Amino acid sequence: MFDIAPSELLLVVIVAIVVIGPKDLPLALRTAGRWIGKMRRVSNHFRAGIETMIREAELADMEKKWQEQNAQIMAQSAAASAAETPHAATAEAPAHPVDPVLAPHAPTDPAPLPPPPEKLLPVESRGERPRGPQPADEGHAAVAPAVHPHTEPGQP
């Protein structure tokens, strides 16, 4: 895009040193760098906004196309089902019409649940370990808490 030859760049540097001066040149270069950075950020932000708008427009077009295709498929499906069952046209209309968009997600009749057990089994027969404090076994004596030899009972 911009073609700068080394001789042209050398000419720009010499003019900058003469016009700005060697003492203020670093400050001028820093300021120019900041301005270039700001311009790059603004251009990147603008470019990202444009790309987002294009992407949203493409998605809207695709969604419209999908809705049209879905409507065609639904019409073909309705025509095919009406052709297969001619008595369906004379049947009563359902009490609550179903939205064609929500029809695939409509709840169906659930399978019946099994009847609850008549009697719950005790914990031991279920093979689980009983919970809570258990009485001591007959063959083992209860172990008293150990007392430190340098303290009297009742002291920590």
N, C-alpha and C. Protein backbone atom coordinates (compact mmCIF):
# COMPACT_ATOMS: atom_id res chain seq x y z
N MET A 1 0.83 -1.18 0.00
CA MET A 1 0.00 0.00 0.00
C MET A 1 0.88 1.25 0.00
N PHE A 2 1.63 1.45 1.09
CA PHE A 2 2.57 2.57 1.11
C PHE A 2 3.96 2.00 0.87
N ASP A 3 4.59 2.48 -0.16
CA ASP A 3 5.92 2.00 -0.47
C ASP A 3 6.90 3.11 -0.14
N ILE A 4 7.67 2.92 0.94
CA ILE A 4 8.65 3.92 1.34
C ILE A 4 10.03 3.31 1.16
N ALA A 5 10.81 3.93 0.33
CA ALA A 5 12.17 3.46 0.08
C ALA A 5 13.06 3.90 1.23
N PRO A 6 14.17 3.21 1.45
CA PRO A 6 15.08 3.60 2.54
C PRO A 6 15.61 5.03 2.38
N SER A 7 15.81 5.49 1.17
CA SER A 7 16.29 6.87 0.99
C SER A 7 15.23 7.87 1.40
N GLU A 8 13.95 7.57 1.12
CA GLU A 8 12.87 8.47 1.53
C GLU A 8 12.74 8.50 3.05
N LEU A 9 12.90 7.34 3.69
CA LEU A 9 12.82 7.27 5.16
C LEU A 9 13.96 8.06 5.78
N LEU A 10 15.16 7.99 5.21
CA LEU A 10 16.30 8.75 5.72
C LEU A 10 16.04 10.25 5.57
N LEU A 11 15.43 10.66 4.47
CA LEU A 11 15.10 12.07 4.27
C LEU A 11 14.10 12.55 5.32
N VAL A 12 13.09 11.74 5.64
CA VAL A 12 12.10 12.12 6.65
C VAL A 12 12.76 12.24 8.02
N VAL A 13 13.67 11.34 8.37
CA VAL A 13 14.36 11.40 9.66
C VAL A 13 15.22 12.66 9.74
N ILE A 14 15.93 13.01 8.69
CA ILE A 14 16.78 14.22 8.70
C ILE A 14 15.91 15.46 8.84
N VAL A 15 14.80 15.54 8.11
CA VAL A 15 13.91 16.70 8.24
C VAL A 15 13.33 16.78 9.65
N ALA A 16 12.96 15.62 10.25
CA ALA A 16 12.41 15.62 11.61
C ALA A 16 13.45 16.11 12.61
N ILE A 17 14.69 15.71 12.46
CA ILE A 17 15.74 16.16 13.39
C ILE A 17 15.96 17.66 13.25
N VAL A 18 15.93 18.18 12.03
CA VAL A 18 16.16 19.60 11.81
C VAL A 18 14.97 20.42 12.31
N VAL A 19 13.74 19.98 12.00
CA VAL A 19 12.56 20.77 12.36
C VAL A 19 12.25 20.66 13.85
N ILE A 20 12.21 19.42 14.36
CA ILE A 20 11.82 19.22 15.77
C ILE A 20 13.01 19.42 16.69
N GLY A 21 14.15 18.98 16.30
CA GLY A 21 15.34 19.10 17.14
C GLY A 21 15.61 17.78 17.83
N PRO A 22 16.86 17.49 18.06
CA PRO A 22 17.22 16.20 18.66
C PRO A 22 16.73 16.06 20.10
N LYS A 23 16.54 17.19 20.79
CA LYS A 23 16.12 17.13 22.18
C LYS A 23 14.65 16.74 22.31
N ASP A 24 13.79 17.22 21.44
CA ASP A 24 12.35 16.95 21.53
C ASP A 24 11.90 15.79 20.64
N LEU A 25 12.81 15.19 19.89
CA LEU A 25 12.44 14.12 18.98
C LEU A 25 11.86 12.88 19.70
N PRO A 26 12.45 12.41 20.82
CA PRO A 26 11.84 11.25 21.49
C PRO A 26 10.41 11.52 21.96
N LEU A 27 10.14 12.71 22.47
CA LEU A 27 8.79 13.05 22.90
C LEU A 27 7.83 13.09 21.71
N ALA A 28 8.29 13.61 20.59
CA ALA A 28 7.46 13.67 19.38
C ALA A 28 7.17 12.26 18.86
N LEU A 29 8.17 11.37 18.89
CA LEU A 29 7.96 10.00 18.44
C LEU A 29 6.99 9.25 19.36
N ARG A 30 7.11 9.47 20.68
CA ARG A 30 6.17 8.85 21.63
C ARG A 30 4.75 9.33 21.38
N THR A 31 4.58 10.62 21.16
CA THR A 31 3.25 11.17 20.88
C THR A 31 2.69 10.61 19.58
N ALA A 32 3.53 10.53 18.56
CA ALA A 32 3.08 9.96 17.27
C ALA A 32 2.70 8.49 17.45
N GLY A 33 3.46 7.76 18.24
CA GLY A 33 3.14 6.36 18.50
C GLY A 33 1.81 6.20 19.21
N ARG A 34 1.53 7.07 20.17
CA ARG A 34 0.23 7.02 20.88
C ARG A 34 -0.92 7.29 19.91
N TRP A 35 -0.75 8.30 19.05
CA TRP A 35 -1.81 8.62 18.09
C TRP A 35 -2.03 7.47 17.10
N ILE A 36 -0.95 6.85 16.66
CA ILE A 36 -1.08 5.71 15.74
C ILE A 36 -1.79 4.56 16.44
N GLY A 37 -1.46 4.30 17.71
CA GLY A 37 -2.13 3.25 18.47
C GLY A 37 -3.62 3.51 18.63
N LYS A 38 -3.97 4.79 18.93
CA LYS A 38 -5.39 5.13 19.04
C LYS A 38 -6.12 4.92 17.73
N MET A 39 -5.48 5.34 16.61
CA MET A 39 -6.12 5.15 15.30
C MET A 39 -6.31 3.67 15.00
N ARG A 40 -5.34 2.84 15.35
CA ARG A 40 -5.48 1.39 15.12
C ARG A 40 -6.63 0.81 15.96
N ARG A 41 -6.72 1.22 17.23
CA ARG A 41 -7.81 0.72 18.09
C ARG A 41 -9.17 1.12 17.55
N VAL A 42 -9.29 2.39 17.12
CA VAL A 42 -10.57 2.86 16.57
C VAL A 42 -10.92 2.09 15.29
N SER A 43 -9.93 1.89 14.43
CA SER A 43 -10.21 1.17 13.18
C SER A 43 -10.56 -0.30 13.46
N ASN A 44 -9.89 -0.94 14.43
CA ASN A 44 -10.23 -2.32 14.79
C ASN A 44 -11.63 -2.41 15.38
N HIS A 45 -11.99 -1.43 16.21
CA HIS A 45 -13.33 -1.41 16.80
C HIS A 45 -14.39 -1.23 15.71
N PHE A 46 -14.12 -0.34 14.79
CA PHE A 46 -15.05 -0.10 13.67
C PHE A 46 -15.18 -1.35 12.81
N ARG A 47 -14.05 -1.99 12.50
CA ARG A 47 -14.07 -3.20 11.70
C ARG A 47 -14.85 -4.32 12.42
N ALA A 48 -14.65 -4.47 13.73
CA ALA A 48 -15.37 -5.50 14.49
C ALA A 48 -16.88 -5.22 14.47
N GLY A 49 -17.26 -3.94 14.58
CA GLY A 49 -18.68 -3.59 14.53
C GLY A 49 -19.30 -3.93 13.18
N ILE A 50 -18.58 -3.62 12.12
CA ILE A 50 -19.07 -3.93 10.77
C ILE A 50 -19.20 -5.44 10.58
N GLU A 51 -18.19 -6.20 11.03
CA GLU A 51 -18.24 -7.66 10.90
C GLU A 51 -19.40 -8.25 11.71
N THR A 52 -19.67 -7.69 12.88
CA THR A 52 -20.79 -8.16 13.70
C THR A 52 -22.11 -7.90 12.99
N MET A 53 -22.25 -6.72 12.39
CA MET A 53 -23.48 -6.40 11.66
C MET A 53 -23.66 -7.34 10.47
N ILE A 54 -22.59 -7.63 9.76
CA ILE A 54 -22.67 -8.56 8.62
C ILE A 54 -23.07 -9.94 9.10
N ARG A 55 -22.46 -10.41 10.19
CA ARG A 55 -22.77 -11.73 10.73
C ARG A 55 -24.23 -11.82 11.16
N GLU A 56 -24.74 -10.77 11.82
CA GLU A 56 -26.14 -10.77 12.25
C GLU A 56 -27.08 -10.78 11.05
N ALA A 57 -26.72 -10.03 10.00
CA ALA A 57 -27.56 -10.02 8.80
C ALA A 57 -27.57 -11.40 8.14
N GLU A 58 -26.41 -12.06 8.08
CA GLU A 58 -26.35 -13.40 7.51
C GLU A 58 -27.17 -14.39 8.32
N LEU A 59 -27.09 -14.28 9.66
CA LEU A 59 -27.87 -15.17 10.51
C LEU A 59 -29.37 -14.94 10.33
N ALA A 60 -29.78 -13.68 10.19
CA ALA A 60 -31.20 -13.39 9.97
C ALA A 60 -31.67 -13.97 8.64
N ASP A 61 -30.84 -13.85 7.59
CA ASP A 61 -31.19 -14.44 6.29
C ASP A 61 -31.30 -15.96 6.39
N MET A 62 -30.36 -16.58 7.09
CA MET A 62 -30.39 -18.04 7.24
C MET A 62 -31.61 -18.48 8.04
N GLU A 63 -31.95 -17.72 9.08
CA GLU A 63 -33.12 -18.07 9.89
C GLU A 63 -34.40 -17.95 9.06
N LYS A 64 -34.49 -16.90 8.25
CA LYS A 64 -35.67 -16.74 7.38
C LYS A 64 -35.76 -17.89 6.39
N LYS A 65 -34.62 -18.27 5.82
CA LYS A 65 -34.58 -19.38 4.87
C LYS A 65 -35.01 -20.68 5.55
N TRP A 66 -34.53 -20.92 6.78
CA TRP A 66 -34.90 -22.14 7.51
C TRP A 66 -36.39 -22.15 7.84
N GLN A 67 -36.94 -20.99 8.20
CA GLN A 67 -38.38 -20.93 8.49
C GLN A 67 -39.20 -21.25 7.24
N GLU A 68 -38.76 -20.73 6.09
CA GLU A 68 -39.47 -21.03 4.84
C GLU A 68 -39.39 -22.52 4.51
N GLN A 69 -38.21 -23.10 4.67
CA GLN A 69 -38.06 -24.53 4.41
C GLN A 69 -38.91 -25.35 5.39
N ASN A 70 -38.93 -24.94 6.65
CA ASN A 70 -39.73 -25.65 7.66
C ASN A 70 -41.22 -25.56 7.31
N ALA A 71 -41.66 -24.41 6.85
CA ALA A 71 -43.07 -24.27 6.48
C ALA A 71 -43.39 -25.17 5.28
N GLN A 72 -42.47 -25.26 4.31
CA GLN A 72 -42.69 -26.14 3.16
C GLN A 72 -42.75 -27.60 3.60
N ILE A 73 -41.85 -27.99 4.48
CA ILE A 73 -41.84 -29.37 4.96
C ILE A 73 -43.11 -29.68 5.74
N MET A 74 -43.55 -28.76 6.57
CA MET A 74 -44.78 -28.97 7.36
C MET A 74 -45.98 -29.08 6.42
N ALA A 75 -46.02 -28.25 5.36
CA ALA A 75 -47.14 -28.31 4.42
C ALA A 75 -47.12 -29.64 3.67
N GLN A 76 -45.95 -30.09 3.25
CA GLN A 76 -45.85 -31.37 2.56
C GLN A 76 -46.24 -32.52 3.48
N SER A 77 -45.82 -32.43 4.74
CA SER A 77 -46.15 -33.47 5.71
C SER A 77 -47.65 -33.51 5.97
N ALA A 78 -48.26 -32.33 6.10
CA ALA A 78 -49.70 -32.28 6.33
C ALA A 78 -50.45 -32.82 5.11
N ALA A 79 -49.99 -32.49 3.91
CA ALA A 79 -50.64 -32.98 2.70
C ALA A 79 -50.48 -34.50 2.58
N ALA A 80 -49.33 -35.02 2.91
CA ALA A 80 -49.09 -36.46 2.83
C ALA A 80 -49.93 -37.20 3.86
N SER A 81 -50.04 -36.67 5.08
CA SER A 81 -50.83 -37.35 6.10
C SER A 81 -52.32 -37.26 5.78
N ALA A 82 -52.76 -36.17 5.16
CA ALA A 82 -54.16 -36.05 4.77
C ALA A 82 -54.48 -37.02 3.63
N ALA A 83 -53.54 -37.24 2.74
CA ALA A 83 -53.75 -38.16 1.63
C ALA A 83 -53.78 -39.61 2.12
N GLU A 84 -53.01 -39.93 3.15
CA GLU A 84 -52.97 -41.28 3.69
C GLU A 84 -54.24 -41.63 4.45
N THR A 85 -54.77 -40.68 5.20
CA THR A 85 -55.96 -40.94 6.02
C THR A 85 -57.08 -40.00 5.58
N PRO A 86 -57.94 -40.42 4.64
CA PRO A 86 -59.00 -39.52 4.17
C PRO A 86 -60.05 -39.27 5.24
N HIS A 87 -60.24 -40.16 6.19
CA HIS A 87 -61.24 -39.93 7.23
C HIS A 87 -60.76 -38.95 8.28
N ALA A 88 -59.49 -38.58 8.25
CA ALA A 88 -58.96 -37.63 9.23
C ALA A 88 -59.54 -36.24 9.00
N ALA A 89 -59.92 -35.92 7.78
CA ALA A 89 -60.46 -34.59 7.50
C ALA A 89 -61.86 -34.45 8.11
N THR A 90 -62.59 -35.55 8.26
CA THR A 90 -63.93 -35.47 8.83
C THR A 90 -63.92 -35.60 10.34
N ALA A 91 -62.79 -35.95 10.93
CA ALA A 91 -62.73 -36.11 12.39
C ALA A 91 -62.84 -34.76 13.07
N GLU A 92 -63.17 -34.82 14.35
CA GLU A 92 -63.30 -33.58 15.13
C GLU A 92 -61.94 -32.91 15.27
N ALA A 93 -61.98 -31.60 15.37
CA ALA A 93 -60.76 -30.85 15.62
C ALA A 93 -60.42 -31.00 17.10
N PRO A 94 -59.15 -31.01 17.44
CA PRO A 94 -58.80 -31.15 18.85
C PRO A 94 -59.30 -29.96 19.65
N ALA A 95 -59.57 -30.20 20.94
CA ALA A 95 -60.09 -29.15 21.81
C ALA A 95 -59.10 -28.00 21.95
N HIS A 96 -57.82 -28.35 22.02
CA HIS A 96 -56.77 -27.34 22.15
C HIS A 96 -55.83 -27.49 20.97
N PRO A 97 -55.84 -26.57 19.99
CA PRO A 97 -54.93 -26.72 18.86
C PRO A 97 -53.48 -26.59 19.32
N VAL A 98 -52.60 -27.34 18.69
CA VAL A 98 -51.19 -27.37 19.05
C VAL A 98 -50.42 -26.51 18.07
N ASP A 99 -49.57 -25.66 18.61
CA ASP A 99 -48.72 -24.80 17.78
C ASP A 99 -47.73 -25.68 17.03
N PRO A 100 -47.61 -25.56 15.69
CA PRO A 100 -46.70 -26.45 14.95
C PRO A 100 -45.24 -26.28 15.33
N VAL A 101 -44.86 -25.11 15.85
CA VAL A 101 -43.48 -24.91 16.25
C VAL A 101 -43.20 -25.67 17.55
N LEU A 102 -44.20 -25.70 18.45
CA LEU A 102 -44.00 -26.34 19.74
C LEU A 102 -44.40 -27.80 19.74
N ALA A 103 -45.02 -28.29 18.69
CA ALA A 103 -45.53 -29.66 18.66
C ALA A 103 -44.45 -30.71 18.92
N PRO A 104 -43.23 -30.58 18.37
CA PRO A 104 -42.23 -31.61 18.67
C PRO A 104 -41.84 -31.66 20.14
N HIS A 105 -42.06 -30.56 20.86
CA HIS A 105 -41.67 -30.50 22.26
C HIS A 105 -42.85 -30.70 23.20
N ALA A 106 -44.04 -30.99 22.67
CA ALA A 106 -45.22 -31.14 23.51
C ALA A 106 -45.08 -32.40 24.36
N PRO A 107 -45.55 -32.36 25.61
CA PRO A 107 -45.44 -33.54 26.46
C PRO A 107 -46.34 -34.66 25.94
N THR A 108 -45.90 -35.87 26.13
CA THR A 108 -46.68 -37.04 25.74
C THR A 108 -47.24 -37.68 27.01
N ASP A 109 -48.12 -38.64 26.84
CA ASP A 109 -48.65 -39.33 28.01
C ASP A 109 -47.54 -40.15 28.64
N PRO A 110 -47.28 -39.93 29.93
CA PRO A 110 -46.19 -40.68 30.56
C PRO A 110 -46.58 -42.13 30.77
N ALA A 111 -45.59 -42.98 30.82
CA ALA A 111 -45.82 -44.39 31.11
C ALA A 111 -46.29 -44.51 32.56
N PRO A 112 -47.19 -45.45 32.85
CA PRO A 112 -47.66 -45.56 34.23
C PRO A 112 -46.52 -45.98 35.15
N LEU A 113 -46.52 -45.42 36.35
CA LEU A 113 -45.50 -45.75 37.33
C LEU A 113 -45.81 -47.09 37.96
N PRO A 114 -44.79 -47.83 38.37
CA PRO A 114 -45.07 -49.10 39.04
C PRO A 114 -45.72 -48.83 40.39
N PRO A 115 -46.53 -49.75 40.88
CA PRO A 115 -47.18 -49.52 42.17
C PRO A 115 -46.15 -49.50 43.28
N PRO A 116 -46.37 -48.73 44.34
CA PRO A 116 -45.40 -48.66 45.44
C PRO A 116 -45.37 -50.00 46.17
N PRO A 117 -44.24 -50.34 46.78
CA PRO A 117 -44.18 -51.60 47.52
C PRO A 117 -45.15 -51.55 48.70
N GLU A 118 -45.74 -52.72 48.99
CA GLU A 118 -46.73 -52.76 50.06
C GLU A 118 -46.07 -52.60 51.42
N LYS A 119 -44.90 -53.16 51.59
CA LYS A 119 -44.24 -53.10 52.88
C LYS A 119 -42.77 -52.81 52.62
N LEU A 120 -42.21 -51.85 53.34
CA LEU A 120 -40.80 -51.53 53.20
C LEU A 120 -39.99 -52.58 53.93
N LEU A 121 -38.89 -52.97 53.36
CA LEU A 121 -38.04 -53.97 53.97
C LEU A 121 -37.18 -53.32 55.04
N PRO A 122 -36.84 -54.05 56.11
CA PRO A 122 -35.94 -53.48 57.13
C PRO A 122 -34.55 -53.26 56.53
N VAL A 123 -33.78 -52.44 57.19
CA VAL A 123 -32.46 -52.07 56.69
C VAL A 123 -31.56 -53.28 56.55
N GLU A 124 -31.58 -54.18 57.49
CA GLU A 124 -30.69 -55.34 57.46
C GLU A 124 -30.97 -56.21 56.23
N SER A 125 -32.21 -56.36 55.84
CA SER A 125 -32.52 -57.24 54.72
C SER A 125 -32.21 -56.58 53.38
N ARG A 126 -32.04 -55.27 53.35
CA ARG A 126 -31.71 -54.59 52.11
C ARG A 126 -30.21 -54.65 51.82
N GLY A 127 -29.44 -55.15 52.77
CA GLY A 127 -28.01 -55.27 52.53
C GLY A 127 -27.26 -53.99 52.82
N GLU A 128 -27.90 -53.01 53.42
CA GLU A 128 -27.22 -51.76 53.74
C GLU A 128 -26.77 -51.80 55.19
N ARG A 129 -25.79 -50.97 55.48
CA ARG A 129 -25.30 -50.86 56.85
C ARG A 129 -26.25 -49.95 57.62
N PRO A 130 -26.70 -50.35 58.82
CA PRO A 130 -27.59 -49.48 59.60
C PRO A 130 -26.86 -48.20 59.99
N ARG A 131 -27.59 -47.14 60.11
CA ARG A 131 -27.03 -45.83 60.44
C ARG A 131 -27.29 -45.52 61.90
N GLY A 132 -26.49 -44.60 62.42
CA GLY A 132 -26.68 -44.16 63.80
C GLY A 132 -25.86 -45.00 64.77
N PRO A 133 -25.95 -44.69 66.07
CA PRO A 133 -25.17 -45.44 67.07
C PRO A 133 -25.68 -46.86 67.17
N GLN A 134 -24.76 -47.79 67.33
CA GLN A 134 -25.09 -49.20 67.41
C GLN A 134 -24.72 -49.71 68.81
N PRO A 135 -25.49 -50.65 69.31
CA PRO A 135 -25.12 -51.22 70.62
C PRO A 135 -23.83 -52.02 70.48
N ALA A 136 -23.07 -52.12 71.58
CA ALA A 136 -21.81 -52.84 71.57
C ALA A 136 -22.08 -54.33 71.38
N ASP A 137 -21.17 -55.00 70.69
CA ASP A 137 -21.30 -56.45 70.52
C ASP A 137 -21.16 -57.13 71.86
N GLU A 138 -21.77 -58.34 72.01
CA GLU A 138 -21.72 -59.05 73.28
C GLU A 138 -20.32 -59.50 73.63
N GLY A 139 -19.51 -59.86 72.67
CA GLY A 139 -18.19 -60.41 72.93
C GLY A 139 -17.15 -59.35 73.25
N HIS A 140 -17.44 -58.10 73.04
CA HIS A 140 -16.45 -57.04 73.26
C HIS A 140 -16.90 -56.11 74.37
N ALA A 141 -15.97 -55.75 75.22
CA ALA A 141 -16.29 -54.80 76.29
C ALA A 141 -16.17 -53.40 75.74
N ALA A 142 -16.97 -52.50 76.27
CA ALA A 142 -16.89 -51.11 75.85
C ALA A 142 -15.57 -50.52 76.32
N VAL A 143 -14.88 -49.78 75.50
CA VAL A 143 -13.58 -49.21 75.82
C VAL A 143 -13.81 -47.83 76.40
N ALA A 144 -13.24 -47.61 77.59
CA ALA A 144 -13.36 -46.31 78.25
C ALA A 144 -12.36 -45.36 77.62
N PRO A 145 -12.69 -44.06 77.61
CA PRO A 145 -11.74 -43.10 77.04
C PRO A 145 -10.46 -43.07 77.86
N ALA A 146 -9.33 -42.91 77.15
CA ALA A 146 -8.04 -42.88 77.82
C ALA A 146 -7.87 -41.58 78.59
N VAL A 147 -7.27 -41.69 79.78
CA VAL A 147 -7.00 -40.53 80.62
C VAL A 147 -5.50 -40.32 80.64
N HIS A 148 -5.09 -39.09 80.44
CA HIS A 148 -3.66 -38.78 80.45
C HIS A 148 -3.14 -38.97 81.87
N PRO A 149 -1.97 -39.57 82.02
CA PRO A 149 -1.50 -39.85 83.39
C PRO A 149 -1.18 -38.61 84.21
N HIS A 150 -0.91 -37.46 83.60
CA HIS A 150 -0.53 -36.27 84.35
C HIS A 150 -1.72 -35.36 84.66
N THR A 151 -2.91 -35.74 84.23
CA THR A 151 -4.07 -34.92 84.51
C THR A 151 -5.05 -35.72 85.34
N GLU A 152 -5.86 -35.00 86.07
CA GLU A 152 -6.88 -35.65 86.87
C GLU A 152 -8.12 -35.83 86.03
N PRO A 153 -8.95 -36.81 86.37
CA PRO A 153 -10.17 -37.01 85.61
C PRO A 153 -11.03 -35.75 85.64
N GLY A 154 -11.64 -35.43 84.55
CA GLY A 154 -12.49 -34.25 84.45
C GLY A 154 -11.77 -33.04 83.92
N GLN A 155 -10.41 -33.11 83.81
CA GLN A 155 -9.63 -32.01 83.22
C GLN A 155 -9.19 -32.38 81.82
N PRO A 156 -9.12 -31.41 80.95
CA PRO A 156 -8.70 -31.71 79.59
C PRO A 156 -7.23 -31.98 79.46
